[in-house]
Amino acid sequence: MVAPSKSMLVSLLLFAVTLSLLELYRAKFASSELMTIAGGFISSLLFLFMLTFIGNYQESAGVKTGWGAVVLAEIIALIVAATVHRVCITTCFLFSVGLLYEVDKISGMTLTKTESKARRY
């Protein structure tokens, strides 16, 4: 398992690089319908990176992570998506909901594996 500080740093760097590239190619993402959807997907990746950063920061600070981190990461991603195109806001939200569902599912499976290992020993 990766240390929270390393994961926090990597997610922050990925957020910065993705944000920079998204803003650099803003006109390209706003040029067609398909690219607008792609802009929303990339904005949802920003949501994932920011959620990872906030969660690891709270874990390293000893604070319990909750829905506040999800809401904050989503607001940041939606604001960035709004700078690209109006439709990117909607697609970002929809892709983010899907990503959040998958993250929750993976988290549940990992937690179940950890609990079963703890019971064995």
PDB file of N, CA and C in Angstrom:
ATOM      1  N   MET A   1       0.834  -1.173   0.000  1.00  0.00           N
ATOM      2  CA  MET A   1       0.000   0.000   0.000  1.00  0.00           C
ATOM      3  C   MET A   1       0.883   1.242   0.000  1.00  0.00           C
ATOM      4  N   VAL A   2       0.494   2.221  -0.786  1.00  0.00           N
ATOM      5  CA  VAL A   2       1.271   3.444  -0.925  1.00  0.00           C
ATOM      6  C   VAL A   2       0.989   4.359   0.268  1.00  0.00           C
ATOM      7  N   ALA A   3       2.017   5.029   0.734  1.00  0.00           N
ATOM      8  CA  ALA A   3       1.862   5.965   1.850  1.00  0.00           C
ATOM      9  C   ALA A   3       0.975   7.135   1.430  1.00  0.00           C
ATOM     10  N   PRO A   4       0.165   7.646   2.350  1.00  0.00           N
ATOM     11  CA  PRO A   4      -0.727   8.758   1.989  1.00  0.00           C
ATOM     12  C   PRO A   4       0.014   9.989   1.478  1.00  0.00           C
ATOM     13  N   SER A   5       1.205  10.246   1.993  1.00  0.00           N
ATOM     14  CA  SER A   5       1.936  11.435   1.546  1.00  0.00           C
ATOM     15  C   SER A   5       2.381  11.306   0.093  1.00  0.00           C
ATOM     16  N   LYS A   6       2.804  10.105  -0.309  1.00  0.00           N
ATOM     17  CA  LYS A   6       3.216   9.899  -1.704  1.00  0.00           C
ATOM     18  C   LYS A   6       2.013   9.959  -2.639  1.00  0.00           C
ATOM     19  N   SER A   7       0.935   9.344  -2.238  1.00  0.00           N
ATOM     20  CA  SER A   7      -0.279   9.361  -3.053  1.00  0.00           C
ATOM     21  C   SER A   7      -0.830  10.779  -3.162  1.00  0.00           C
ATOM     22  N   MET A   8      -0.727  11.537  -2.082  1.00  0.00           N
ATOM     23  CA  MET A   8      -1.196  12.916  -2.089  1.00  0.00           C
ATOM     24  C   MET A   8      -0.380  13.748  -3.073  1.00  0.00           C
ATOM     25  N   LEU A   9       0.924  13.566  -3.082  1.00  0.00           N
ATOM     26  CA  LEU A   9       1.798  14.308  -3.981  1.00  0.00           C
ATOM     27  C   LEU A   9       1.531  13.940  -5.438  1.00  0.00           C
ATOM     28  N   VAL A  10       1.402  12.653  -5.720  1.00  0.00           N
ATOM     29  CA  VAL A  10       1.159  12.210  -7.088  1.00  0.00           C
ATOM     30  C   VAL A  10      -0.188  12.721  -7.589  1.00  0.00           C
ATOM     31  N   SER A  11      -1.220  12.655  -6.754  1.00  0.00           N
ATOM     32  CA  SER A  11      -2.535  13.128  -7.189  1.00  0.00           C
ATOM     33  C   SER A  11      -2.535  14.636  -7.416  1.00  0.00           C
ATOM     34  N   LEU A  12      -1.796  15.385  -6.599  1.00  0.00           N
ATOM     35  CA  LEU A  12      -1.705  16.828  -6.809  1.00  0.00           C
ATOM     36  C   LEU A  12      -0.970  17.148  -8.108  1.00  0.00           C
ATOM     37  N   LEU A  13       0.101  16.412  -8.389  1.00  0.00           N
ATOM     38  CA  LEU A  13       0.821  16.628  -9.643  1.00  0.00           C
ATOM     39  C   LEU A  13      -0.034  16.265 -10.853  1.00  0.00           C
ATOM     40  N   LEU A  14      -0.761  15.146 -10.768  1.00  0.00           N
ATOM     41  CA  LEU A  14      -1.653  14.771 -11.865  1.00  0.00           C
ATOM     42  C   LEU A  14      -2.759  15.800 -12.056  1.00  0.00           C
ATOM     43  N   PHE A  15      -3.275  16.339 -10.955  1.00  0.00           N
ATOM     44  CA  PHE A  15      -4.284  17.386 -11.046  1.00  0.00           C
ATOM     45  C   PHE A  15      -3.727  18.607 -11.767  1.00  0.00           C
ATOM     46  N   ALA A  16      -2.528  19.031 -11.391  1.00  0.00           N
ATOM     47  CA  ALA A  16      -1.926  20.227 -11.988  1.00  0.00           C
ATOM     48  C   ALA A  16      -1.648  20.029 -13.479  1.00  0.00           C
ATOM     49  N   VAL A  17      -1.121  18.876 -13.850  1.00  0.00           N
ATOM     50  CA  VAL A  17      -0.811  18.613 -15.257  1.00  0.00           C
ATOM     51  C   VAL A  17      -2.095  18.523 -16.080  1.00  0.00           C
ATOM     52  N   THR A  18      -3.092  17.820 -15.558  1.00  0.00           N
ATOM     53  CA  THR A  18      -4.353  17.677 -16.287  1.00  0.00           C
ATOM     54  C   THR A  18      -5.054  19.020 -16.424  1.00  0.00           C
ATOM     55  N   LEU A  19      -5.058  19.808 -15.361  1.00  0.00           N
ATOM     56  CA  LEU A  19      -5.667  21.135 -15.414  1.00  0.00           C
ATOM     57  C   LEU A  19      -4.960  22.011 -16.441  1.00  0.00           C
ATOM     58  N   SER A  20      -3.644  21.972 -16.459  1.00  0.00           N
ATOM     59  CA  SER A  20      -2.876  22.784 -17.406  1.00  0.00           C
ATOM     60  C   SER A  20      -3.179  22.391 -18.845  1.00  0.00           C
ATOM     61  N   LEU A  21      -3.205  21.090 -19.113  1.00  0.00           N
ATOM     62  CA  LEU A  21      -3.491  20.636 -20.473  1.00  0.00           C
ATOM     63  C   LEU A  21      -4.931  20.932 -20.883  1.00  0.00           C
ATOM     64  N   LEU A  22      -5.854  20.804 -19.952  1.00  0.00           N
ATOM     65  CA  LEU A  22      -7.249  21.107 -20.252  1.00  0.00           C
ATOM     66  C   LEU A  22      -7.423  22.580 -20.600  1.00  0.00           C
ATOM     67  N   GLU A  23      -6.777  23.450 -19.855  1.00  0.00           N
ATOM     68  CA  GLU A  23      -6.886  24.876 -20.137  1.00  0.00           C
ATOM     69  C   GLU A  23      -6.107  25.272 -21.388  1.00  0.00           C
ATOM     70  N   LEU A  24      -5.016  24.580 -21.654  1.00  0.00           N
ATOM     71  CA  LEU A  24      -4.226  24.862 -22.841  1.00  0.00           C
ATOM     72  C   LEU A  24      -5.008  24.538 -24.113  1.00  0.00           C
ATOM     73  N   TYR A  25      -5.733  23.426 -24.096  1.00  0.00           N
ATOM     74  CA  TYR A  25      -6.506  22.994 -25.263  1.00  0.00           C
ATOM     75  C   TYR A  25      -8.000  23.280 -25.099  1.00  0.00           C
ATOM     76  N   ARG A  26      -8.320  24.336 -24.380  1.00  0.00           N
ATOM     77  CA  ARG A  26      -9.720  24.696 -24.123  1.00  0.00           C
ATOM     78  C   ARG A  26     -10.505  24.912 -25.417  1.00  0.00           C
ATOM     79  N   ALA A  27      -9.927  25.604 -26.377  1.00  0.00           N
ATOM     80  CA  ALA A  27     -10.627  25.874 -27.642  1.00  0.00           C
ATOM     81  C   ALA A  27     -10.891  24.580 -28.411  1.00  0.00           C
ATOM     82  N   LYS A  28      -9.948  23.661 -28.360  1.00  0.00           N
ATOM     83  CA  LYS A  28     -10.130  22.367 -29.042  1.00  0.00           C
ATOM     84  C   LYS A  28     -11.258  21.569 -28.397  1.00  0.00           C
ATOM     85  N   PHE A  29     -11.344  21.581 -27.067  1.00  0.00           N
ATOM     86  CA  PHE A  29     -12.399  20.835 -26.392  1.00  0.00           C
ATOM     87  C   PHE A  29     -13.778  21.462 -26.610  1.00  0.00           C
ATOM     88  N   ALA A  30     -13.838  22.737 -26.883  1.00  0.00           N
ATOM     89  CA  ALA A  30     -15.116  23.404 -27.117  1.00  0.00           C
ATOM     90  C   ALA A  30     -15.517  23.400 -28.590  1.00  0.00           C
ATOM     91  N   SER A  31     -14.690  22.798 -29.455  1.00  0.00           N
ATOM     92  CA  SER A  31     -14.924  22.901 -30.896  1.00  0.00           C
ATOM     93  C   SER A  31     -16.032  21.991 -31.423  1.00  0.00           C
ATOM     94  N   SER A  32     -16.245  20.835 -30.819  1.00  0.00           N
ATOM     95  CA  SER A  32     -17.281  19.925 -31.335  1.00  0.00           C
ATOM     96  C   SER A  32     -17.988  19.234 -30.179  1.00  0.00           C
ATOM     97  N   GLU A  33     -19.084  18.562 -30.517  1.00  0.00           N
ATOM     98  CA  GLU A  33     -19.860  17.882 -29.478  1.00  0.00           C
ATOM     99  C   GLU A  33     -19.052  16.786 -28.798  1.00  0.00           C
ATOM    100  N   LEU A  34     -18.363  15.982 -29.595  1.00  0.00           N
ATOM    101  CA  LEU A  34     -17.591  14.874 -29.044  1.00  0.00           C
ATOM    102  C   LEU A  34     -16.443  15.368 -28.163  1.00  0.00           C
ATOM    103  N   MET A  35     -15.801  16.431 -28.600  1.00  0.00           N
ATOM    104  CA  MET A  35     -14.697  16.975 -27.794  1.00  0.00           C
ATOM    105  C   MET A  35     -15.218  17.636 -26.519  1.00  0.00           C
ATOM    106  N   THR A  36     -16.444  18.156 -26.563  1.00  0.00           N
ATOM    107  CA  THR A  36     -17.039  18.725 -25.354  1.00  0.00           C
ATOM    108  C   THR A  36     -17.295  17.634 -24.330  1.00  0.00           C
ATOM    109  N   ILE A  37     -17.761  16.481 -24.788  1.00  0.00           N
ATOM    110  CA  ILE A  37     -17.952  15.338 -23.886  1.00  0.00           C
ATOM    111  C   ILE A  37     -16.609  14.875 -23.336  1.00  0.00           C
ATOM    112  N   ALA A  38     -15.588  14.865 -24.191  1.00  0.00           N
ATOM    113  CA  ALA A  38     -14.243  14.492 -23.735  1.00  0.00           C
ATOM    114  C   ALA A  38     -13.731  15.495 -22.697  1.00  0.00           C
ATOM    115  N   GLY A  39     -14.046  16.771 -22.887  1.00  0.00           N
ATOM    116  CA  GLY A  39     -13.664  17.784 -21.897  1.00  0.00           C
ATOM    117  C   GLY A  39     -14.336  17.543 -20.557  1.00  0.00           C
ATOM    118  N   GLY A  40     -15.588  17.098 -20.591  1.00  0.00           N
ATOM    119  CA  GLY A  40     -16.280  16.755 -19.350  1.00  0.00           C
ATOM    120  C   GLY A  40     -15.665  15.548 -18.672  1.00  0.00           C
ATOM    121  N   PHE A  41     -15.237  14.566 -19.470  1.00  0.00           N
ATOM    122  CA  PHE A  41     -14.594  13.380 -18.899  1.00  0.00           C
ATOM    123  C   PHE A  41     -13.262  13.750 -18.251  1.00  0.00           C
ATOM    124  N   ILE A  42     -12.491  14.571 -18.923  1.00  0.00           N
ATOM    125  CA  ILE A  42     -11.199  14.979 -18.357  1.00  0.00           C
ATOM    126  C   ILE A  42     -11.415  15.812 -17.100  1.00  0.00           C
ATOM    127  N   SER A  43     -12.464  16.624 -17.080  1.00  0.00           N
ATOM    128  CA  SER A  43     -12.785  17.373 -15.867  1.00  0.00           C
ATOM    129  C   SER A  43     -13.173  16.436 -14.726  1.00  0.00           C
ATOM    130  N   SER A  44     -13.829  15.319 -15.058  1.00  0.00           N
ATOM    131  CA  SER A  44     -14.167  14.349 -14.011  1.00  0.00           C
ATOM    132  C   SER A  44     -12.919  13.648 -13.486  1.00  0.00           C
ATOM    133  N   LEU A  45     -11.902  13.527 -14.329  1.00  0.00           N
ATOM    134  CA  LEU A  45     -10.627  13.001 -13.830  1.00  0.00           C
ATOM    135  C   LEU A  45     -10.007  13.981 -12.837  1.00  0.00           C
ATOM    136  N   LEU A  46     -10.203  15.270 -13.083  1.00  0.00           N
ATOM    137  CA  LEU A  46      -9.758  16.274 -12.106  1.00  0.00           C
ATOM    138  C   LEU A  46     -10.465  16.067 -10.775  1.00  0.00           C
ATOM    139  N   PHE A  47     -11.750  15.721 -10.840  1.00  0.00           N
ATOM    140  CA  PHE A  47     -12.505  15.407  -9.618  1.00  0.00           C
ATOM    141  C   PHE A  47     -11.853  14.240  -8.883  1.00  0.00           C
ATOM    142  N   LEU A  48     -11.495  13.205  -9.609  1.00  0.00           N
ATOM    143  CA  LEU A  48     -10.883  12.027  -8.999  1.00  0.00           C
ATOM    144  C   LEU A  48      -9.537  12.362  -8.368  1.00  0.00           C
ATOM    145  N   PHE A  49      -8.718  13.129  -9.073  1.00  0.00           N
ATOM    146  CA  PHE A  49      -7.408  13.507  -8.539  1.00  0.00           C
ATOM    147  C   PHE A  49      -7.556  14.389  -7.300  1.00  0.00           C
ATOM    148  N   MET A  50      -8.492  15.339  -7.335  1.00  0.00           N
ATOM    149  CA  MET A  50      -8.683  16.222  -6.188  1.00  0.00           C
ATOM    150  C   MET A  50      -9.271  15.464  -5.003  1.00  0.00           C
ATOM    151  N   LEU A  51     -10.177  14.525  -5.272  1.00  0.00           N
ATOM    152  CA  LEU A  51     -10.741  13.714  -4.200  1.00  0.00           C
ATOM    153  C   LEU A  51      -9.652  12.876  -3.534  1.00  0.00           C
ATOM    154  N   THR A  52      -8.753  12.324  -4.327  1.00  0.00           N
ATOM    155  CA  THR A  52      -7.636  11.560  -3.776  1.00  0.00           C
ATOM    156  C   THR A  52      -6.728  12.451  -2.937  1.00  0.00           C
ATOM    157  N   PHE A  53      -6.453  13.652  -3.442  1.00  0.00           N
ATOM    158  CA  PHE A  53      -5.606  14.580  -2.702  1.00  0.00           C
ATOM    159  C   PHE A  53      -6.242  14.967  -1.363  1.00  0.00           C
ATOM    160  N   ILE A  54      -7.514  15.335  -1.389  1.00  0.00           N
ATOM    161  CA  ILE A  54      -8.191  15.767  -0.166  1.00  0.00           C
ATOM    162  C   ILE A  54      -8.294  14.616   0.829  1.00  0.00           C
ATOM    163  N   GLY A  55      -8.637  13.428   0.324  1.00  0.00           N
ATOM    164  CA  GLY A  55      -8.748  12.267   1.208  1.00  0.00           C
ATOM    165  C   GLY A  55      -7.437  11.915   1.869  1.00  0.00           C
ATOM    166  N   ASN A  56      -6.344  11.949   1.117  1.00  0.00           N
ATOM    167  CA  ASN A  56      -5.040  11.644   1.696  1.00  0.00           C
ATOM    168  C   ASN A  56      -4.570  12.735   2.643  1.00  0.00           C
ATOM    169  N   TYR A  57      -4.906  13.976   2.322  1.00  0.00           N
ATOM    170  CA  TYR A  57      -4.549  15.071   3.228  1.00  0.00           C
ATOM    171  C   TYR A  57      -5.277  14.918   4.565  1.00  0.00           C
ATOM    172  N   GLN A  58      -6.564  14.613   4.494  1.00  0.00           N
ATOM    173  CA  GLN A  58      -7.319  14.439   5.724  1.00  0.00           C
ATOM    174  C   GLN A  58      -6.837  13.226   6.513  1.00  0.00           C
ATOM    175  N   GLU A  59      -6.459  12.166   5.813  1.00  0.00           N
ATOM    176  CA  GLU A  59      -5.953  10.977   6.502  1.00  0.00           C
ATOM    177  C   GLU A  59      -4.626  11.264   7.185  1.00  0.00           C
ATOM    178  N   SER A  60      -3.758  12.015   6.523  1.00  0.00           N
ATOM    179  CA  SER A  60      -2.459  12.327   7.139  1.00  0.00           C
ATOM    180  C   SER A  60      -2.613  13.324   8.290  1.00  0.00           C
ATOM    181  N   ALA A  61      -3.683  14.142   8.259  1.00  0.00           N
ATOM    182  CA  ALA A  61      -3.931  15.081   9.350  1.00  0.00           C
ATOM    183  C   ALA A  61      -4.717  14.441  10.485  1.00  0.00           C
ATOM    184  N   GLY A  62      -5.189  13.219  10.285  1.00  0.00           N
ATOM    185  CA  GLY A  62      -5.932  12.521  11.331  1.00  0.00           C
ATOM    186  C   GLY A  62      -7.406  12.876  11.387  1.00  0.00           C
ATOM    187  N   VAL A  63      -7.922  13.459  10.317  1.00  0.00           N
ATOM    188  CA  VAL A  63      -9.332  13.845  10.256  1.00  0.00           C
ATOM    189  C   VAL A  63     -10.091  12.788   9.459  1.00  0.00           C
ATOM    190  N   LYS A  64     -11.312  12.498   9.874  1.00  0.00           N
ATOM    191  CA  LYS A  64     -12.123  11.509   9.164  1.00  0.00           C
ATOM    192  C   LYS A  64     -12.639  12.110   7.858  1.00  0.00           C
ATOM    193  N   THR A  65     -12.462  11.372   6.774  1.00  0.00           N
ATOM    194  CA  THR A  65     -12.928  11.821   5.470  1.00  0.00           C
ATOM    195  C   THR A  65     -14.410  11.510   5.323  1.00  0.00           C
ATOM    196  N   GLY A  66     -15.162  12.462   4.773  1.00  0.00           N
ATOM    197  CA  GLY A  66     -16.598  12.265   4.601  1.00  0.00           C
ATOM    198  C   GLY A  66     -17.069  12.876   3.294  1.00  0.00           C
ATOM    199  N   TRP A  67     -18.353  13.200   3.272  1.00  0.00           N
ATOM    200  CA  TRP A  67     -18.955  13.745   2.058  1.00  0.00           C
ATOM    201  C   TRP A  67     -18.469  15.152   1.755  1.00  0.00           C
ATOM    202  N   GLY A  68     -17.918  15.835   2.732  1.00  0.00           N
ATOM    203  CA  GLY A  68     -17.393  17.174   2.485  1.00  0.00           C
ATOM    204  C   GLY A  68     -16.280  17.169   1.451  1.00  0.00           C
ATOM    205  N   ALA A  69     -15.440  16.163   1.497  1.00  0.00           N
ATOM    206  CA  ALA A  69     -14.352  16.042   0.527  1.00  0.00           C
ATOM    207  C   ALA A  69     -14.909  15.811  -0.876  1.00  0.00           C
ATOM    208  N   VAL A  70     -15.954  15.012  -0.972  1.00  0.00           N
ATOM    209  CA  VAL A  70     -16.568  14.731  -2.270  1.00  0.00           C
ATOM    210  C   VAL A  70     -17.177  16.008  -2.844  1.00  0.00           C
ATOM    211  N   VAL A  71     -17.897  16.735  -2.014  1.00  0.00           N
ATOM    212  CA  VAL A  71     -18.552  17.963  -2.481  1.00  0.00           C
ATOM    213  C   VAL A  71     -17.516  19.003  -2.901  1.00  0.00           C
ATOM    214  N   LEU A  72     -16.469  19.176  -2.118  1.00  0.00           N
ATOM    215  CA  LEU A  72     -15.430  20.144  -2.455  1.00  0.00           C
ATOM    216  C   LEU A  72     -14.732  19.780  -3.762  1.00  0.00           C
ATOM    217  N   ALA A  73     -14.371  18.502  -3.918  1.00  0.00           N
ATOM    218  CA  ALA A  73     -13.712  18.068  -5.151  1.00  0.00           C
ATOM    219  C   ALA A  73     -14.636  18.242  -6.358  1.00  0.00           C
ATOM    220  N   GLU A  74     -15.923  17.982  -6.173  1.00  0.00           N
ATOM    221  CA  GLU A  74     -16.876  18.125  -7.274  1.00  0.00           C
ATOM    222  C   GLU A  74     -17.048  19.590  -7.663  1.00  0.00           C
ATOM    223  N   ILE A  75     -17.114  20.472  -6.678  1.00  0.00           N
ATOM    224  CA  ILE A  75     -17.246  21.904  -6.981  1.00  0.00           C
ATOM    225  C   ILE A  75     -16.039  22.407  -7.749  1.00  0.00           C
ATOM    226  N   ILE A  76     -14.849  21.994  -7.340  1.00  0.00           N
ATOM    227  CA  ILE A  76     -13.631  22.406  -8.045  1.00  0.00           C
ATOM    228  C   ILE A  76     -13.649  21.905  -9.477  1.00  0.00           C
ATOM    229  N   ALA A  77     -14.022  20.637  -9.677  1.00  0.00           N
ATOM    230  CA  ALA A  77     -14.061  20.070 -11.028  1.00  0.00           C
ATOM    231  C   ALA A  77     -15.114  20.760 -11.894  1.00  0.00           C
ATOM    232  N   LEU A  78     -16.256  21.086 -11.320  1.00  0.00           N
ATOM    233  CA  LEU A  78     -17.310  21.749 -12.092  1.00  0.00           C
ATOM    234  C   LEU A  78     -16.923  23.174 -12.467  1.00  0.00           C
ATOM    235  N   ILE A  79     -16.211  23.867 -11.600  1.00  0.00           N
ATOM    236  CA  ILE A  79     -15.741  25.214 -11.933  1.00  0.00           C
ATOM    237  C   ILE A  79     -14.744  25.156 -13.082  1.00  0.00           C
ATOM    238  N   VAL A  80     -13.842  24.186 -13.033  1.00  0.00           N
ATOM    239  CA  VAL A  80     -12.881  24.033 -14.134  1.00  0.00           C
ATOM    240  C   VAL A  80     -13.603  23.666 -15.420  1.00  0.00           C
ATOM    241  N   ALA A  81     -14.594  22.776 -15.337  1.00  0.00           N
ATOM    242  CA  ALA A  81     -15.347  22.390 -16.529  1.00  0.00           C
ATOM    243  C   ALA A  81     -16.094  23.577 -17.117  1.00  0.00           C
ATOM    244  N   ALA A  82     -16.545  24.491 -16.260  1.00  0.00           N
ATOM    245  CA  ALA A  82     -17.260  25.670 -16.740  1.00  0.00           C
ATOM    246  C   ALA A  82     -16.356  26.602 -17.550  1.00  0.00           C
ATOM    247  N   THR A  83     -15.061  26.552 -17.309  1.00  0.00           N
ATOM    248  CA  THR A  83     -14.153  27.398 -18.087  1.00  0.00           C
ATOM    249  C   THR A  83     -13.951  26.867 -19.495  1.00  0.00           C
ATOM    250  N   VAL A  84     -14.273  25.596 -19.714  1.00  0.00           N
ATOM    251  CA  VAL A  84     -14.096  25.011 -21.044  1.00  0.00           C
ATOM    252  C   VAL A  84     -15.358  25.210 -21.884  1.00  0.00           C
ATOM    253  N   HIS A  85     -16.505  24.737 -21.387  1.00  0.00           N
ATOM    254  CA  HIS A  85     -17.772  24.831 -22.122  1.00  0.00           C
ATOM    255  C   HIS A  85     -18.907  24.550 -21.153  1.00  0.00           C
ATOM    256  N   ARG A  86     -20.088  25.091 -21.452  1.00  0.00           N
ATOM    257  CA  ARG A  86     -21.229  24.882 -20.556  1.00  0.00           C
ATOM    258  C   ARG A  86     -21.640  23.415 -20.479  1.00  0.00           C
ATOM    259  N   VAL A  87     -21.571  22.714 -21.597  1.00  0.00           N
ATOM    260  CA  VAL A  87     -21.973  21.309 -21.613  1.00  0.00           C
ATOM    261  C   VAL A  87     -20.988  20.453 -20.820  1.00  0.00           C
ATOM    262  N   CYS A  88     -19.752  20.893 -20.718  1.00  0.00           N
ATOM    263  CA  CYS A  88     -18.754  20.149 -19.943  1.00  0.00           C
ATOM    264  C   CYS A  88     -19.165  20.041 -18.475  1.00  0.00           C
ATOM    265  N   ILE A  89     -19.926  20.999 -17.987  1.00  0.00           N
ATOM    266  CA  ILE A  89     -20.375  20.951 -16.594  1.00  0.00           C
ATOM    267  C   ILE A  89     -21.260  19.723 -16.379  1.00  0.00           C
ATOM    268  N   THR A  90     -22.207  19.529 -17.283  1.00  0.00           N
ATOM    269  CA  THR A  90     -23.130  18.398 -17.160  1.00  0.00           C
ATOM    270  C   THR A  90     -22.409  17.072 -17.331  1.00  0.00           C
ATOM    271  N   THR A  91     -21.588  16.968 -18.356  1.00  0.00           N
ATOM    272  CA  THR A  91     -20.888  15.704 -18.583  1.00  0.00           C
ATOM    273  C   THR A  91     -19.881  15.417 -17.472  1.00  0.00           C
ATOM    274  N   CYS A  92     -19.251  16.457 -16.950  1.00  0.00           N
ATOM    275  CA  CYS A  92     -18.330  16.270 -15.823  1.00  0.00           C
ATOM    276  C   CYS A  92     -19.076  15.707 -14.624  1.00  0.00           C
ATOM    277  N   PHE A  93     -20.249  16.258 -14.335  1.00  0.00           N
ATOM    278  CA  PHE A  93     -21.020  15.777 -13.199  1.00  0.00           C
ATOM    279  C   PHE A  93     -21.417  14.310 -13.386  1.00  0.00           C
ATOM    280  N   LEU A  94     -21.878  13.968 -14.579  1.00  0.00           N
ATOM    281  CA  LEU A  94     -22.311  12.583 -14.835  1.00  0.00           C
ATOM    282  C   LEU A  94     -21.141  11.601 -14.760  1.00  0.00           C
ATOM    283  N   PHE A  95     -20.020  11.965 -15.372  1.00  0.00           N
ATOM    284  CA  PHE A  95     -18.845  11.092 -15.301  1.00  0.00           C
ATOM    285  C   PHE A  95     -18.327  10.995 -13.863  1.00  0.00           C
ATOM    286  N   SER A  96     -18.400  12.085 -13.111  1.00  0.00           N
ATOM    287  CA  SER A  96     -17.933  12.076 -11.725  1.00  0.00           C
ATOM    288  C   SER A  96     -18.775  11.162 -10.853  1.00  0.00           C
ATOM    289  N   VAL A  97     -20.082  11.139 -11.108  1.00  0.00           N
ATOM    290  CA  VAL A  97     -20.958  10.231 -10.358  1.00  0.00           C
ATOM    291  C   VAL A  97     -20.561   8.785 -10.643  1.00  0.00           C
ATOM    292  N   GLY A  98     -20.283   8.474 -11.902  1.00  0.00           N
ATOM    293  CA  GLY A  98     -19.836   7.121 -12.254  1.00  0.00           C
ATOM    294  C   GLY A  98     -18.503   6.778 -11.616  1.00  0.00           C
ATOM    295  N   LEU A  99     -17.567   7.707 -11.649  1.00  0.00           N
ATOM    296  CA  LEU A  99     -16.264   7.468 -11.023  1.00  0.00           C
ATOM    297  C   LEU A  99     -16.393   7.300  -9.513  1.00  0.00           C
ATOM    298  N   LEU A 100     -17.259   8.087  -8.893  1.00  0.00           N
ATOM    299  CA  LEU A 100     -17.458   7.981  -7.445  1.00  0.00           C
ATOM    300  C   LEU A 100     -18.054   6.629  -7.088  1.00  0.00           C
ATOM    301  N   TYR A 101     -18.969   6.138  -7.900  1.00  0.00           N
ATOM    302  CA  TYR A 101     -19.542   4.813  -7.673  1.00  0.00           C
ATOM    303  C   TYR A 101     -18.463   3.736  -7.749  1.00  0.00           C
ATOM    304  N   GLU A 102     -17.604   3.821  -8.761  1.00  0.00           N
ATOM    305  CA  GLU A 102     -16.542   2.825  -8.919  1.00  0.00           C
ATOM    306  C   GLU A 102     -15.518   2.917  -7.782  1.00  0.00           C
ATOM    307  N   VAL A 103     -15.171   4.125  -7.363  1.00  0.00           N
ATOM    308  CA  VAL A 103     -14.234   4.290  -6.248  1.00  0.00           C
ATOM    309  C   VAL A 103     -14.818   3.697  -4.973  1.00  0.00           C
ATOM    310  N   ASP A 104     -16.112   3.931  -4.748  1.00  0.00           N
ATOM    311  CA  ASP A 104     -16.764   3.377  -3.563  1.00  0.00           C
ATOM    312  C   ASP A 104     -16.786   1.853  -3.615  1.00  0.00           C
ATOM    313  N   LYS A 105     -17.031   1.305  -4.792  1.00  0.00           N
ATOM    314  CA  LYS A 105     -17.051  -0.154  -4.948  1.00  0.00           C
ATOM    315  C   LYS A 105     -15.665  -0.753  -4.698  1.00  0.00           C
ATOM    316  N   ILE A 106     -14.635  -0.141  -5.250  1.00  0.00           N
ATOM    317  CA  ILE A 106     -13.267  -0.623  -5.039  1.00  0.00           C
ATOM    318  C   ILE A 106     -12.872  -0.477  -3.573  1.00  0.00           C
ATOM    319  N   SER A 107     -13.254   0.630  -2.965  1.00  0.00           N
ATOM    320  CA  SER A 107     -12.958   0.848  -1.553  1.00  0.00           C
ATOM    321  C   SER A 107     -13.624  -0.207  -0.683  1.00  0.00           C
ATOM    322  N   GLY A 108     -14.864  -0.534  -1.005  1.00  0.00           N
ATOM    323  CA  GLY A 108     -15.572  -1.568  -0.246  1.00  0.00           C
ATOM    324  C   GLY A 108     -14.916  -2.923  -0.375  1.00  0.00           C
ATOM    325  N   MET A 109     -14.460  -3.272  -1.589  1.00  0.00           N
ATOM    326  CA  MET A 109     -13.784  -4.557  -1.783  1.00  0.00           C
ATOM    327  C   MET A 109     -12.463  -4.598  -1.029  1.00  0.00           C
ATOM    328  N   THR A 110     -11.714  -3.501  -1.056  1.00  0.00           N
ATOM    329  CA  THR A 110     -10.433  -3.440  -0.352  1.00  0.00           C
ATOM    330  C   THR A 110     -10.639  -3.533   1.156  1.00  0.00           C
ATOM    331  N   LEU A 111     -11.657  -2.861   1.666  1.00  0.00           N
ATOM    332  CA  LEU A 111     -11.950  -2.894   3.090  1.00  0.00           C
ATOM    333  C   LEU A 111     -12.370  -4.294   3.529  1.00  0.00           C
ATOM    334  N   THR A 112     -13.137  -4.981   2.692  1.00  0.00           N
ATOM    335  CA  THR A 112     -13.555  -6.343   3.002  1.00  0.00           C
ATOM    336  C   THR A 112     -12.352  -7.282   3.055  1.00  0.00           C
ATOM    337  N   LYS A 113     -11.420  -7.137   2.106  1.00  0.00           N
ATOM    338  CA  LYS A 113     -10.214  -7.966   2.109  1.00  0.00           C
ATOM    339  C   LYS A 113      -9.379  -7.712   3.362  1.00  0.00           C
ATOM    340  N   THR A 114      -9.254  -6.445   3.750  1.00  0.00           N
ATOM    341  CA  THR A 114      -8.469  -6.095   4.931  1.00  0.00           C
ATOM    342  C   THR A 114      -9.098  -6.674   6.191  1.00  0.00           C
ATOM    343  N   GLU A 115     -10.418  -6.600   6.294  1.00  0.00           N
ATOM    344  CA  GLU A 115     -11.105  -7.127   7.470  1.00  0.00           C
ATOM    345  C   GLU A 115     -10.996  -8.644   7.542  1.00  0.00           C
ATOM    346  N   SER A 116     -11.066  -9.331   6.393  1.00  0.00           N
ATOM    347  CA  SER A 116     -10.963 -10.782   6.409  1.00  0.00           C
ATOM    348  C   SER A 116      -9.556 -11.227   6.782  1.00  0.00           C
ATOM    349  N   LYS A 117      -8.525 -10.483   6.368  1.00  0.00           N
ATOM    350  CA  LYS A 117      -7.145 -10.806   6.752  1.00  0.00           C
ATOM    351  C   LYS A 117      -6.956 -10.589   8.238  1.00  0.00           C
ATOM    352  N   ALA A 118      -7.563  -9.549   8.793  1.00  0.00           N
ATOM    353  CA  ALA A 118      -7.427  -9.255  10.212  1.00  0.00           C
ATOM    354  C   ALA A 118      -8.098 -10.337  11.063  1.00  0.00           C
ATOM    355  N   ARG A 119      -9.181 -10.895  10.580  1.00  0.00           N
ATOM    356  CA  ARG A 119      -9.872 -11.949  11.343  1.00  0.00           C
ATOM    357  C   ARG A 119      -9.099 -13.244  11.359  1.00  0.00           C
ATOM    358  N   ARG A 120      -8.360 -13.524  10.275  1.00  0.00           N
ATOM    359  CA  ARG A 120      -7.602 -14.767  10.191  1.00  0.00           C
ATOM    360  C   ARG A 120      -6.477 -14.844  11.217  1.00  0.00           C
ATOM    361  N   TYR A 121      -5.859 -13.712  11.495  1.00  0.00           N
ATOM    362  CA  TYR A 121      -4.667 -13.733  12.343  1.00  0.00           C
ATOM    363  C   TYR A 121      -4.990 -13.420  13.738  1.00  0.00           C
TER     364      TYR A 121
END
